Amino acid sequence: MGKYIWSLDISTTNIGSTLWTYDAELVELKHLKLVTDRSVSVEHRDIHKADIFKEYAINYRDKVREDFDGEIVAVIVEKPLGGSNNANTVALLHGFNGMCRYILYNIFKVKPMVISVHEARKLYCPELVKTKKVKGEIEERLSFPKEYRNNKKMYIWEKVSKEHPEIEWLYKRNGEVSDLSFDMSDSYCVGVAGLKKMGIYK
């Protein structure tokens, strides 16, 4: 039975999903759109979405067993950003991320590796890491090109697109890249970072 690694970018609206072989080969890039019925009260929507994700994760585990004759032996999850001015949004994102990680732990019996957005980008985009001497010590800083500083997700998406031109992305009606595509590329980014930390991705 083959060993697989699953990396995820989790938000309360969409979840990006990347499946890897244990030798860091990309298997597939997917997304899950979390849609709730209006009959679900606002205060319970996170629980309802967690149920949707739980069913998806169970089905995905079974799919890997049936389609690839394998099992998911490691899970990598991106930690949500905490920079929003809305404290309620930050709390919701972190709370939902924790719910999903607990679900993953119960299904796969492994504790998910958690990687921050900053660390994931540093590890996936070493070309953006600059060193600077601060108070006598060398510090590493992530520096995006000027044209991407207000749209860092676009840089990540473009890099993944160049590495894997075979991937079919999702677009808005006006031709712009869909947020779902950004979630997919972010799950790839955090996956590479996790694989590097595990010593698998060279």
C-alpha atoms as a PDB file:
ATOM      1  CA  MET A   1       0.000   0.000   0.000  1.00  0.00           C
ATOM      2  CA  GLY A   2       1.405   3.354  -1.048  1.00  0.00           C
ATOM      3  CA  LYS A   3       1.970   6.233   1.359  1.00  0.00           C
ATOM      4  CA  TYR A   4       0.498   9.663   0.653  1.00  0.00           C
ATOM      5  CA  ILE A   5       0.644  13.139   2.173  1.00  0.00           C
ATOM      6  CA  TRP A   6      -2.266  15.579   2.160  1.00  0.00           C
ATOM      7  CA  SER A   7      -1.735  19.344   2.379  1.00  0.00           C
ATOM      8  CA  LEU A   8      -4.606  21.752   2.977  1.00  0.00           C
ATOM      9  CA  ASP A   9      -5.354  25.462   2.945  1.00  0.00           C
ATOM     10  CA  ILE A  10      -8.399  25.842   5.179  1.00  0.00           C
ATOM     11  CA  SER A  11     -10.768  28.798   5.292  1.00  0.00           C
ATOM     12  CA  THR A  12     -14.419  29.104   6.227  1.00  0.00           C
ATOM     13  CA  THR A  13     -15.490  29.403   2.584  1.00  0.00           C
ATOM     14  CA  ASN A  14     -13.112  27.226   0.531  1.00  0.00           C
ATOM     15  CA  ILE A  15     -10.532  24.546   1.193  1.00  0.00           C
ATOM     16  CA  GLY A  16      -7.592  23.935  -1.130  1.00  0.00           C
ATOM     17  CA  SER A  17      -6.358  20.346  -1.234  1.00  0.00           C
ATOM     18  CA  THR A  18      -3.133  18.829  -2.592  1.00  0.00           C
ATOM     19  CA  LEU A  19      -2.261  15.144  -2.548  1.00  0.00           C
ATOM     20  CA  TRP A  20       1.375  14.035  -2.708  1.00  0.00           C
ATOM     21  CA  THR A  21       3.176  10.738  -2.914  1.00  0.00           C
ATOM     22  CA  TYR A  22       5.672  10.075  -0.129  1.00  0.00           C
ATOM     23  CA  ASP A  23       8.501  10.968  -2.510  1.00  0.00           C
ATOM     24  CA  ALA A  24       7.000  14.430  -3.129  1.00  0.00           C
ATOM     25  CA  GLU A  25       5.325  13.793  -6.485  1.00  0.00           C
ATOM     26  CA  LEU A  26       2.129  15.767  -7.080  1.00  0.00           C
ATOM     27  CA  VAL A  27      -0.884  13.489  -7.476  1.00  0.00           C
ATOM     28  CA  GLU A  28      -3.756  15.964  -7.704  1.00  0.00           C
ATOM     29  CA  LEU A  29      -4.886  19.449  -6.785  1.00  0.00           C
ATOM     30  CA  LYS A  30      -8.507  19.926  -5.704  1.00  0.00           C
ATOM     31  CA  HIS A  31     -10.831  22.277  -3.850  1.00  0.00           C
ATOM     32  CA  LEU A  32     -13.853  22.050  -1.604  1.00  0.00           C
ATOM     33  CA  LYS A  33     -16.403  24.864  -1.537  1.00  0.00           C
ATOM     34  CA  LEU A  34     -18.106  25.130   1.841  1.00  0.00           C
ATOM     35  CA  VAL A  35     -21.713  26.103   1.198  1.00  0.00           C
ATOM     36  CA  THR A  36     -24.344  26.205   3.924  1.00  0.00           C
ATOM     37  CA  ASP A  37     -28.101  26.421   3.640  1.00  0.00           C
ATOM     38  CA  ARG A  38     -29.693  29.694   4.730  1.00  0.00           C
ATOM     39  CA  SER A  39     -31.737  27.727   7.237  1.00  0.00           C
ATOM     40  CA  VAL A  40     -28.542  27.183   9.282  1.00  0.00           C
ATOM     41  CA  SER A  41     -28.201  29.940  11.883  1.00  0.00           C
ATOM     42  CA  VAL A  42     -25.119  32.169  11.698  1.00  0.00           C
ATOM     43  CA  GLU A  43     -23.750  30.984  15.055  1.00  0.00           C
ATOM     44  CA  HIS A  44     -23.920  27.345  13.931  1.00  0.00           C
ATOM     45  CA  ARG A  45     -22.531  27.683  10.410  1.00  0.00           C
ATOM     46  CA  ASP A  46     -18.992  26.790  11.490  1.00  0.00           C
ATOM     47  CA  ILE A  47     -20.284  23.507  12.938  1.00  0.00           C
ATOM     48  CA  HIS A  48     -22.262  22.789   9.772  1.00  0.00           C
ATOM     49  CA  LYS A  49     -19.204  23.514   7.614  1.00  0.00           C
ATOM     50  CA  ALA A  50     -17.085  21.304   9.859  1.00  0.00           C
ATOM     51  CA  ASP A  51     -19.563  18.489   9.199  1.00  0.00           C
ATOM     52  CA  ILE A  52     -19.220  19.096   5.450  1.00  0.00           C
ATOM     53  CA  PHE A  53     -15.436  18.934   5.765  1.00  0.00           C
ATOM     54  CA  LYS A  54     -15.595  15.789   7.915  1.00  0.00           C
ATOM     55  CA  GLU A  55     -17.630  13.967   5.269  1.00  0.00           C
ATOM     56  CA  TYR A  56     -15.242  15.199   2.563  1.00  0.00           C
ATOM     57  CA  ALA A  57     -12.172  14.025   4.504  1.00  0.00           C
ATOM     58  CA  ILE A  58     -13.662  10.572   5.132  1.00  0.00           C
ATOM     59  CA  ASN A  59     -14.568  10.220   1.452  1.00  0.00           C
ATOM     60  CA  TYR A  60     -11.096  11.406   0.456  1.00  0.00           C
ATOM     61  CA  ARG A  61      -9.462   8.837   2.731  1.00  0.00           C
ATOM     62  CA  ASP A  62     -11.563   6.127   1.101  1.00  0.00           C
ATOM     63  CA  LYS A  63     -10.794   7.467  -2.378  1.00  0.00           C
ATOM     64  CA  VAL A  64      -7.040   7.242  -1.764  1.00  0.00           C
ATOM     65  CA  ARG A  65      -7.490   3.646  -0.594  1.00  0.00           C
ATOM     66  CA  GLU A  66      -9.626   2.627  -3.559  1.00  0.00           C
ATOM     67  CA  ASP A  67      -8.149   4.660  -6.437  1.00  0.00           C
ATOM     68  CA  PHE A  68      -4.477   4.691  -5.435  1.00  0.00           C
ATOM     69  CA  ASP A  69      -4.259   1.622  -3.194  1.00  0.00           C
ATOM     70  CA  GLY A  70      -2.724   3.864  -0.561  1.00  0.00           C
ATOM     71  CA  GLU A  71      -3.175   5.597   2.749  1.00  0.00           C
ATOM     72  CA  ILE A  72      -2.626   9.141   3.940  1.00  0.00           C
ATOM     73  CA  VAL A  73       0.115   8.960   6.560  1.00  0.00           C
ATOM     74  CA  ALA A  74       0.776  12.682   7.077  1.00  0.00           C
ATOM     75  CA  VAL A  75      -1.297  15.860   6.908  1.00  0.00           C
ATOM     76  CA  ILE A  76      -0.035  19.432   6.505  1.00  0.00           C
ATOM     77  CA  VAL A  77      -2.273  22.413   7.307  1.00  0.00           C
ATOM     78  CA  GLU A  78      -1.636  26.109   6.784  1.00  0.00           C
ATOM     79  CA  LYS A  79      -2.165  28.243   9.868  1.00  0.00           C
ATOM     80  CA  PRO A  80      -4.549  31.147   9.138  1.00  0.00           C
ATOM     81  CA  LEU A  81      -3.258  34.701   9.016  1.00  0.00           C
ATOM     82  CA  GLY A  82      -3.988  36.803  12.079  1.00  0.00           C
ATOM     83  CA  GLY A  83      -3.601  40.253  10.570  1.00  0.00           C
ATOM     84  CA  SER A  84      -7.265  41.157  10.049  1.00  0.00           C
ATOM     85  CA  ASN A  85      -8.599  44.255  11.780  1.00  0.00           C
ATOM     86  CA  ASN A  86     -11.750  42.299  12.587  1.00  0.00           C
ATOM     87  CA  ALA A  87     -11.144  40.299  15.777  1.00  0.00           C
ATOM     88  CA  ASN A  88     -14.253  38.197  15.167  1.00  0.00           C
ATOM     89  CA  THR A  89     -12.956  37.131  11.735  1.00  0.00           C
ATOM     90  CA  VAL A  90      -9.588  36.131  13.192  1.00  0.00           C
ATOM     91  CA  ALA A  91     -11.252  34.154  15.972  1.00  0.00           C
ATOM     92  CA  LEU A  92     -13.555  32.404  13.495  1.00  0.00           C
ATOM     93  CA  LEU A  93     -10.683  31.439  11.162  1.00  0.00           C
ATOM     94  CA  HIS A  94      -8.517  30.081  13.966  1.00  0.00           C
ATOM     95  CA  GLY A  95     -11.437  28.303  15.596  1.00  0.00           C
ATOM     96  CA  PHE A  96     -12.516  26.643  12.358  1.00  0.00           C
ATOM     97  CA  ASN A  97      -8.925  25.668  11.563  1.00  0.00           C
ATOM     98  CA  GLY A  98      -8.726  23.952  14.944  1.00  0.00           C
ATOM     99  CA  MET A  99     -11.999  22.117  14.359  1.00  0.00           C
ATOM    100  CA  CYS A 100     -10.756  20.843  11.003  1.00  0.00           C
ATOM    101  CA  ARG A 101      -7.401  19.748  12.407  1.00  0.00           C
ATOM    102  CA  TYR A 102      -9.188  17.798  15.134  1.00  0.00           C
ATOM    103  CA  ILE A 103     -11.357  16.133  12.494  1.00  0.00           C
ATOM    104  CA  LEU A 104      -8.238  15.218  10.496  1.00  0.00           C
ATOM    105  CA  TYR A 105      -6.563  13.818  13.608  1.00  0.00           C
ATOM    106  CA  ASN A 106      -9.544  11.596  14.334  1.00  0.00           C
ATOM    107  CA  ILE A 107      -9.823  10.324  10.779  1.00  0.00           C
ATOM    108  CA  PHE A 108      -6.148   9.738   9.971  1.00  0.00           C
ATOM    109  CA  LYS A 109      -4.801   9.193  13.510  1.00  0.00           C
ATOM    110  CA  VAL A 110      -1.910  11.592  12.897  1.00  0.00           C
ATOM    111  CA  LYS A 111      -1.489  15.096  14.286  1.00  0.00           C
ATOM    112  CA  PRO A 112      -1.423  17.560  11.380  1.00  0.00           C
ATOM    113  CA  MET A 113       1.738  19.594  10.874  1.00  0.00           C
ATOM    114  CA  VAL A 114       0.834  23.290  11.131  1.00  0.00           C
ATOM    115  CA  ILE A 115       2.808  25.847   9.115  1.00  0.00           C
ATOM    116  CA  SER A 116       2.289  29.601   9.102  1.00  0.00           C
ATOM    117  CA  VAL A 117       1.634  31.454   5.862  1.00  0.00           C
ATOM    118  CA  HIS A 118       4.954  33.313   6.225  1.00  0.00           C
ATOM    119  CA  GLU A 119       6.986  30.144   6.767  1.00  0.00           C
ATOM    120  CA  ALA A 120       5.216  28.348   3.913  1.00  0.00           C
ATOM    121  CA  ARG A 121       6.034  31.172   1.503  1.00  0.00           C
ATOM    122  CA  LYS A 122       9.649  31.377   2.674  1.00  0.00           C
ATOM    123  CA  LEU A 123      10.180  27.664   2.127  1.00  0.00           C
ATOM    124  CA  TYR A 124       8.342  27.514  -1.211  1.00  0.00           C
ATOM    125  CA  CYS A 125       9.819  30.754  -2.559  1.00  0.00           C
ATOM    126  CA  PRO A 126      13.481  30.861  -1.481  1.00  0.00           C
ATOM    127  CA  GLU A 127      14.078  33.299  -4.340  1.00  0.00           C
ATOM    128  CA  LEU A 128      12.161  35.891  -2.305  1.00  0.00           C
ATOM    129  CA  VAL A 129      14.163  35.481   0.885  1.00  0.00           C
ATOM    130  CA  LYS A 130      16.572  38.349   1.485  1.00  0.00           C
ATOM    131  CA  THR A 131      19.119  38.612   4.272  1.00  0.00           C
ATOM    132  CA  LYS A 132      19.664  41.820   6.207  1.00  0.00           C
ATOM    133  CA  LYS A 133      21.944  42.679   9.096  1.00  0.00           C
ATOM    134  CA  VAL A 134      19.935  44.021  12.026  1.00  0.00           C
ATOM    135  CA  LYS A 135      21.731  45.012  15.241  1.00  0.00           C
ATOM    136  CA  GLY A 136      24.666  42.852  14.309  1.00  0.00           C
ATOM    137  CA  GLU A 137      22.594  39.767  13.491  1.00  0.00           C
ATOM    138  CA  ILE A 138      21.610  38.388  10.097  1.00  0.00           C
ATOM    139  CA  GLU A 139      17.852  38.197   9.601  1.00  0.00           C
ATOM    140  CA  GLU A 140      15.936  36.549   6.799  1.00  0.00           C
ATOM    141  CA  ARG A 141      13.060  38.536   5.329  1.00  0.00           C
ATOM    142  CA  LEU A 142      10.480  37.672   2.711  1.00  0.00           C
ATOM    143  CA  SER A 143      10.396  40.317  -0.014  1.00  0.00           C
ATOM    144  CA  PHE A 144       7.863  40.064  -2.850  1.00  0.00           C
ATOM    145  CA  PRO A 145       8.393  42.021  -6.069  1.00  0.00           C
ATOM    146  CA  LYS A 146       6.735  45.434  -5.902  1.00  0.00           C
ATOM    147  CA  GLU A 147       3.930  44.499  -8.299  1.00  0.00           C
ATOM    148  CA  TYR A 148       2.894  41.573  -6.050  1.00  0.00           C
ATOM    149  CA  ARG A 149       3.061  43.193  -2.626  1.00  0.00           C
ATOM    150  CA  ASN A 150      -0.676  43.772  -2.552  1.00  0.00           C
ATOM    151  CA  ASN A 151      -1.462  40.460  -4.231  1.00  0.00           C
ATOM    152  CA  LYS A 152       0.936  37.847  -2.859  1.00  0.00           C
ATOM    153  CA  LYS A 153      -1.449  35.006  -3.649  1.00  0.00           C
ATOM    154  CA  MET A 154      -1.057  35.831  -7.335  1.00  0.00           C
ATOM    155  CA  TYR A 155       2.703  35.307  -7.131  1.00  0.00           C
ATOM    156  CA  ILE A 156       2.194  31.883  -5.521  1.00  0.00           C
ATOM    157  CA  TRP A 157      -0.447  30.922  -8.082  1.00  0.00           C
ATOM    158  CA  GLU A 158       1.739  31.985 -11.019  1.00  0.00           C
ATOM    159  CA  LYS A 159       4.680  29.975  -9.684  1.00  0.00           C
ATOM    160  CA  VAL A 160       2.570  26.830  -9.235  1.00  0.00           C
ATOM    161  CA  SER A 161       1.071  27.360 -12.703  1.00  0.00           C
ATOM    162  CA  LYS A 162       4.524  27.498 -14.281  1.00  0.00           C
ATOM    163  CA  GLU A 163       5.648  24.362 -12.460  1.00  0.00           C
ATOM    164  CA  HIS A 164       2.480  22.460 -13.403  1.00  0.00           C
ATOM    165  CA  PRO A 165       0.985  23.746 -16.667  1.00  0.00           C
ATOM    166  CA  GLU A 166      -1.234  20.657 -16.789  1.00  0.00           C
ATOM    167  CA  ILE A 167      -3.404  21.867 -13.890  1.00  0.00           C
ATOM    168  CA  GLU A 168      -6.867  23.117 -14.799  1.00  0.00           C
ATOM    169  CA  TRP A 169      -7.587  26.261 -12.807  1.00  0.00           C
ATOM    170  CA  LEU A 170     -10.868  27.995 -12.054  1.00  0.00           C
ATOM    171  CA  TYR A 171     -11.645  31.495 -13.306  1.00  0.00           C
ATOM    172  CA  LYS A 172     -14.324  34.109 -12.734  1.00  0.00           C
ATOM    173  CA  ARG A 173     -16.681  35.075 -15.536  1.00  0.00           C
ATOM    174  CA  ASN A 174     -14.561  38.157 -16.258  1.00  0.00           C
ATOM    175  CA  GLY A 175     -11.495  35.973 -16.781  1.00  0.00           C
ATOM    176  CA  GLU A 176      -9.798  36.755 -13.471  1.00  0.00           C
ATOM    177  CA  VAL A 177      -8.365  33.942 -11.363  1.00  0.00           C
ATOM    178  CA  SER A 178     -10.962  32.553  -8.946  1.00  0.00           C
ATOM    179  CA  ASP A 179     -10.367  32.574  -5.194  1.00  0.00           C
ATOM    180  CA  LEU A 180     -10.754  28.779  -5.386  1.00  0.00           C
ATOM    181  CA  SER A 181      -7.634  28.636  -7.561  1.00  0.00           C
ATOM    182  CA  PHE A 182      -5.720  30.695  -5.008  1.00  0.00           C
ATOM    183  CA  ASP A 183      -6.789  28.272  -2.262  1.00  0.00           C
ATOM    184  CA  MET A 184      -5.565  25.388  -4.404  1.00  0.00           C
ATOM    185  CA  SER A 185      -2.177  26.989  -5.057  1.00  0.00           C
ATOM    186  CA  ASP A 186      -1.842  27.892  -1.363  1.00  0.00           C
ATOM    187  CA  SER A 187      -2.411  24.237  -0.436  1.00  0.00           C
ATOM    188  CA  TYR A 188       0.388  23.350  -2.859  1.00  0.00           C
ATOM    189  CA  CYS A 189       2.659  26.004  -1.332  1.00  0.00           C
ATOM    190  CA  VAL A 190       2.155  24.798   2.240  1.00  0.00           C
ATOM    191  CA  GLY A 191       2.583  21.230   0.995  1.00  0.00           C
ATOM    192  CA  VAL A 192       6.019  21.966  -0.452  1.00  0.00           C
ATOM    193  CA  ALA A 193       6.960  23.715   2.797  1.00  0.00           C
ATOM    194  CA  GLY A 194       5.849  20.748   4.867  1.00  0.00           C
ATOM    195  CA  LEU A 195       7.605  18.258   2.608  1.00  0.00           C
ATOM    196  CA  LYS A 196      10.805  20.309   2.926  1.00  0.00           C
ATOM    197  CA  LYS A 197      10.501  20.284   6.724  1.00  0.00           C
ATOM    198  CA  MET A 198      10.019  16.532   6.596  1.00  0.00           C
ATOM    199  CA  GLY A 199      13.164  16.204   4.481  1.00  0.00           C
ATOM    200  CA  ILE A 200      11.229  14.729   1.555  1.00  0.00           C
ATOM    201  CA  TYR A 201      11.152  17.595  -0.969  1.00  0.00           C
ATOM    202  CA  LYS A 202      14.578  18.448  -2.408  1.00  0.00           C
END
